[in-house]
Protein backbone atom coordinates (compact mmCIF):
# COMPACT_ATOMS: atom_id res chain seq x y z
CA MET A 1 0.00 0.00 0.00
CA ARG A 2 1.18 3.48 -0.74
CA ILE A 3 0.08 5.86 2.04
CA ALA A 4 0.35 9.65 1.93
CA ILE A 5 0.35 11.35 5.30
CA ALA A 6 -0.48 15.08 5.54
CA GLY A 7 1.31 16.44 8.60
CA GLY A 8 3.96 13.78 8.22
CA HIS A 9 6.17 14.95 11.11
CA GLY A 10 3.50 14.87 13.77
CA LYS A 11 3.96 12.35 16.61
CA ILE A 12 1.15 10.06 15.44
CA ALA A 13 2.23 10.42 11.85
CA LEU A 14 5.79 9.36 12.64
CA LEU A 15 4.56 6.30 14.60
CA LEU A 16 2.28 5.37 11.73
CA THR A 17 5.15 5.80 9.24
CA ALA A 18 7.34 3.41 11.27
CA LEU A 19 4.55 0.79 11.51
CA ALA A 20 3.58 0.96 7.86
CA ALA A 21 7.10 1.03 6.50
CA GLY A 22 8.07 -1.77 8.85
CA ARG A 23 5.63 -4.10 7.20
CA GLY A 24 6.60 -3.03 3.68
CA ASP A 25 4.18 -0.24 2.83
CA GLU A 26 5.36 2.83 0.95
CA VAL A 27 4.83 6.01 2.96
CA ILE A 28 5.16 9.57 1.79
CA GLY A 29 4.94 12.31 4.43
CA VAL A 30 4.00 15.86 3.65
CA VAL A 31 6.05 18.08 5.95
CA ARG A 32 6.35 21.89 6.22
CA ASN A 33 9.92 22.07 7.50
CA PRO A 34 12.67 20.71 5.25
CA ASP A 35 14.66 19.82 8.38
CA HIS A 36 12.01 17.17 9.16
CA VAL A 37 12.50 15.17 5.98
CA ALA A 38 15.35 13.22 7.45
CA ASP A 39 13.28 12.16 10.47
CA VAL A 40 10.65 10.61 8.17
CA ARG A 41 13.28 8.88 6.10
CA ASP A 42 14.97 7.50 9.18
CA LEU A 43 11.75 5.59 9.86
CA GLY A 44 11.55 4.06 6.45
CA GLY A 45 9.27 6.57 4.73
CA ASP A 46 9.92 9.38 2.32
CA ALA A 47 8.89 13.03 2.65
CA VAL A 48 8.04 16.04 0.49
CA THR A 49 8.27 19.58 1.82
CA LEU A 50 5.02 21.50 1.26
CA ASP A 51 3.28 24.16 3.36
CA LEU A 52 -0.39 23.26 3.51
CA GLU A 53 -1.28 26.83 4.52
CA LYS A 54 0.15 28.16 1.22
CA ALA A 55 -0.01 25.27 -1.29
CA THR A 56 -2.61 24.88 -3.97
CA ALA A 57 -4.69 21.78 -4.40
CA GLU A 58 -2.84 21.02 -7.61
CA GLN A 59 0.52 21.12 -5.83
CA VAL A 60 -0.73 18.78 -3.12
CA ALA A 61 -2.32 16.51 -5.70
CA ALA A 62 1.08 16.05 -7.36
CA VAL A 63 2.39 14.63 -4.10
CA LEU A 64 -0.64 12.38 -3.57
CA ALA A 65 -0.54 10.95 -7.11
CA GLY A 66 -0.28 7.17 -7.04
CA ALA A 67 -1.25 6.84 -3.37
CA ASP A 68 -3.80 4.21 -2.27
CA ALA A 69 -4.85 6.22 0.78
CA VAL A 70 -4.38 9.59 2.43
CA VAL A 71 -4.16 10.16 6.19
CA PHE A 72 -4.81 13.67 7.33
CA ALA A 73 -2.72 14.09 10.52
CA ALA A 74 -1.86 17.81 10.26
CA GLY A 75 -2.73 20.32 12.91
CA ALA A 76 -1.66 23.68 14.27
CA GLY A 77 -0.47 22.15 17.51
CA PRO A 78 0.20 23.58 20.97
CA GLY A 79 1.07 27.26 21.17
CA SER A 80 -0.80 28.26 18.03
CA GLY A 81 -3.61 30.79 17.97
CA ALA A 82 -7.24 30.47 16.94
CA ALA A 83 -6.55 31.63 13.40
CA ARG A 84 -4.13 28.75 12.71
CA LYS A 85 -6.58 26.23 14.19
CA ASP A 86 -8.84 27.19 11.31
CA THR A 87 -6.20 27.38 8.55
CA LEU A 88 -4.66 24.03 9.43
CA ASP A 89 -7.14 21.87 11.31
CA ARG A 90 -10.05 22.84 9.03
CA ALA A 91 -8.87 24.49 5.79
CA ALA A 92 -5.85 22.26 5.24
CA SER A 93 -8.00 19.16 5.64
CA ALA A 94 -10.35 20.52 2.95
CA LEU A 95 -7.36 21.36 0.74
CA VAL A 96 -5.92 17.84 1.06
CA ALA A 97 -9.35 16.40 0.28
CA ASP A 98 -9.62 18.59 -2.81
CA ALA A 99 -6.17 17.38 -3.84
CA ALA A 100 -7.05 13.77 -3.19
CA ARG A 101 -10.04 14.11 -5.55
CA ILE A 102 -7.80 15.61 -8.24
CA ALA A 103 -5.27 12.81 -7.78
CA GLY A 104 -7.96 10.13 -7.83
CA VAL A 105 -7.33 8.95 -4.23
CA LEU A 106 -10.71 8.18 -2.67
CA ARG A 107 -9.54 6.50 0.58
CA PHE A 108 -9.20 9.28 3.17
CA VAL A 109 -8.68 8.77 6.92
CA GLN A 110 -8.94 11.88 9.11
CA ILE A 111 -7.63 12.16 12.61
CA SER A 112 -10.06 14.24 14.61
CA ALA A 113 -10.83 14.45 18.35
CA MET A 114 -13.49 13.50 20.85
CA GLY A 115 -15.92 15.99 22.39
CA LEU A 116 -16.26 18.35 19.48
CA ASP A 117 -19.70 19.57 20.55
CA ARG A 118 -18.46 21.02 23.87
CA THR A 119 -17.24 24.49 24.81
CA THR A 120 -14.51 25.04 27.30
CA GLY A 121 -14.35 28.81 27.72
CA ASP A 122 -10.88 28.80 26.29
CA PRO A 123 -11.19 30.72 22.94
CA VAL A 124 -8.22 28.99 21.33
CA PHE A 125 -9.24 25.46 22.34
CA ASP A 126 -12.84 26.14 21.35
CA ALA A 127 -11.57 27.34 17.97
CA TYR A 128 -9.74 24.04 17.68
CA LEU A 129 -12.89 22.09 18.42
CA ARG A 130 -14.88 24.11 15.87
CA ALA A 131 -12.18 23.61 13.25
CA LYS A 132 -12.13 19.84 13.76
CA ALA A 133 -15.89 19.66 13.62
CA ALA A 134 -15.98 21.65 10.38
CA ALA A 135 -13.28 19.42 8.90
CA GLU A 136 -15.39 16.37 9.71
CA ASP A 137 -18.47 17.93 8.19
CA ASP A 138 -16.56 18.79 5.01
CA LEU A 139 -15.25 15.28 4.64
CA ARG A 140 -18.63 13.66 5.16
CA GLY A 141 -20.03 15.77 2.32
CA ARG A 142 -17.57 14.25 -0.18
CA ASP A 143 -17.98 11.10 -2.19
CA PHE A 144 -14.98 9.42 -0.63
CA ASP A 145 -14.23 6.22 1.17
CA TRP A 146 -13.62 8.25 4.29
CA THR A 147 -13.07 7.27 7.88
CA VAL A 148 -12.94 9.65 10.81
CA LEU A 149 -10.97 8.59 13.95
CA ARG A 150 -11.56 10.50 17.16
CA PRO A 151 -8.96 9.67 19.80
CA GLY A 152 -9.32 10.63 23.43
CA ARG A 153 -6.67 12.48 25.36
CA LEU A 154 -3.32 11.58 23.85
CA THR A 155 -0.33 10.37 25.82
CA ASP A 156 3.24 9.42 24.84
CA ASP A 157 3.18 6.23 26.92
CA PRO A 158 4.34 2.99 25.31
CA PRO A 159 1.76 1.17 23.21
CA THR A 160 -0.53 -1.29 24.99
CA GLY A 161 -2.10 -2.85 21.93
CA LEU A 162 -5.38 -2.78 23.84
CA VAL A 163 -8.11 -0.25 23.05
CA THR A 164 -11.82 0.57 23.10
CA LEU A 165 -13.12 1.56 19.65
CA ALA A 166 -16.72 2.36 18.85
CA GLU A 167 -19.08 4.98 17.53
CA SER A 168 -19.29 6.45 21.03
CA VAL A 169 -17.05 5.67 23.97
CA ALA A 170 -16.57 7.17 27.43
CA PRO A 171 -13.87 9.88 27.66
CA GLY A 172 -10.42 8.60 28.42
CA GLU A 173 -6.75 8.47 27.39
CA VAL A 174 -5.07 6.60 24.60
CA THR A 175 -1.42 6.38 23.66
CA ARG A 176 -0.35 7.90 20.36
CA ALA A 177 1.31 4.58 19.50
CA ASP A 178 -2.04 2.81 19.87
CA VAL A 179 -3.74 5.44 17.74
CA ALA A 180 -1.17 4.76 14.98
CA ALA A 181 -1.87 1.05 15.23
CA VAL A 182 -5.59 1.58 14.91
CA LEU A 183 -5.09 3.90 11.92
CA LEU A 184 -3.13 1.21 10.11
CA ALA A 185 -5.79 -1.39 10.90
CA LEU A 186 -8.51 0.93 9.64
CA LEU A 187 -6.61 1.49 6.43
CA ASP A 188 -6.55 -2.27 5.98
CA GLU A 189 -10.32 -2.57 6.58
CA PRO A 190 -12.54 -1.47 3.64
CA ALA A 191 -15.64 -1.78 5.84
CA SER A 192 -14.45 1.20 7.92
CA ALA A 193 -15.32 3.52 5.04
CA GLY A 194 -18.15 5.81 6.17
CA ALA A 195 -17.42 5.27 9.89
CA THR A 196 -16.80 7.84 12.59
CA LEU A 197 -15.14 6.11 15.53
CA GLU A 198 -14.00 7.16 18.97
CA LEU A 199 -10.95 5.62 20.53
CA VAL A 200 -9.53 5.31 24.04
CA GLY A 201 -7.37 2.77 25.82
CA GLY A 202 -9.12 -0.40 26.75
CA THR A 203 -8.92 -4.22 26.94
CA THR A 204 -9.47 -5.36 23.35
CA PRO A 205 -6.58 -6.06 20.97
CA VAL A 206 -6.42 -3.55 18.13
CA ALA A 207 -7.32 -5.98 15.35
CA ASP A 208 -10.31 -7.34 17.28
CA ALA A 209 -11.46 -3.86 18.25
CA VAL A 210 -11.49 -2.74 14.60
CA GLN A 211 -13.48 -5.83 13.57
CA SER A 212 -15.96 -5.36 16.40
CA ALA A 213 -16.44 -1.70 15.48
CA MET A 214 -17.50 -2.55 11.94
CA GLY A 215 -21.20 -2.97 12.80
CA PRO A 216 -23.93 -1.33 10.69
CA SER A 217 -24.33 1.50 13.24
CA THR A 218 -20.86 2.88 12.46
CA ARG A 219 -21.75 3.70 8.89
CA SER A 220 -22.90 7.23 7.96
CA VAL A 221 -23.17 6.86 4.18
């Protein structure tokens, strides 16, 4: 499988790159900083430098050409303001989806977040939640084989290989490494197209959790 990852230097993206490349997949990461290319290559992937806040859909499509799937893992990250939550977490997702359509790549997996319908009183974090919700809405309106994955609170703990994955789960934590493993399993599962799934740590092995989550209620299309 050839997998293109938008936001290829993010923590989850790097973990996904290592897992996918380790089993023989071809991974191309889209990164903004040229200094990050080597990090992706060290894990067995390749990388292209492209700023998703400035690039055109045609430029992104040229990178996605030949891919079997796209994973949107980009985000403004800690320390960024409300404006960049919109330009990256929402607008860049729509841009990459436009580019995927141009490139003929219909498999699109988006990393989102749980609890998007809440407000916190923090204007920046609330802007992040709105941006993620808008990105989900945009993707659902497209004729894609899309999957939305909503992890709980992320940690950098070692992977457990045990998760809870369903249309709706109780709030909780999940390791970034387990998120990466679930992403790869979802990419392998055609039945996950049209599903919006929430993910936290749990007691079910990743492969079993993905299969159990593929009931009719997960499908939105």
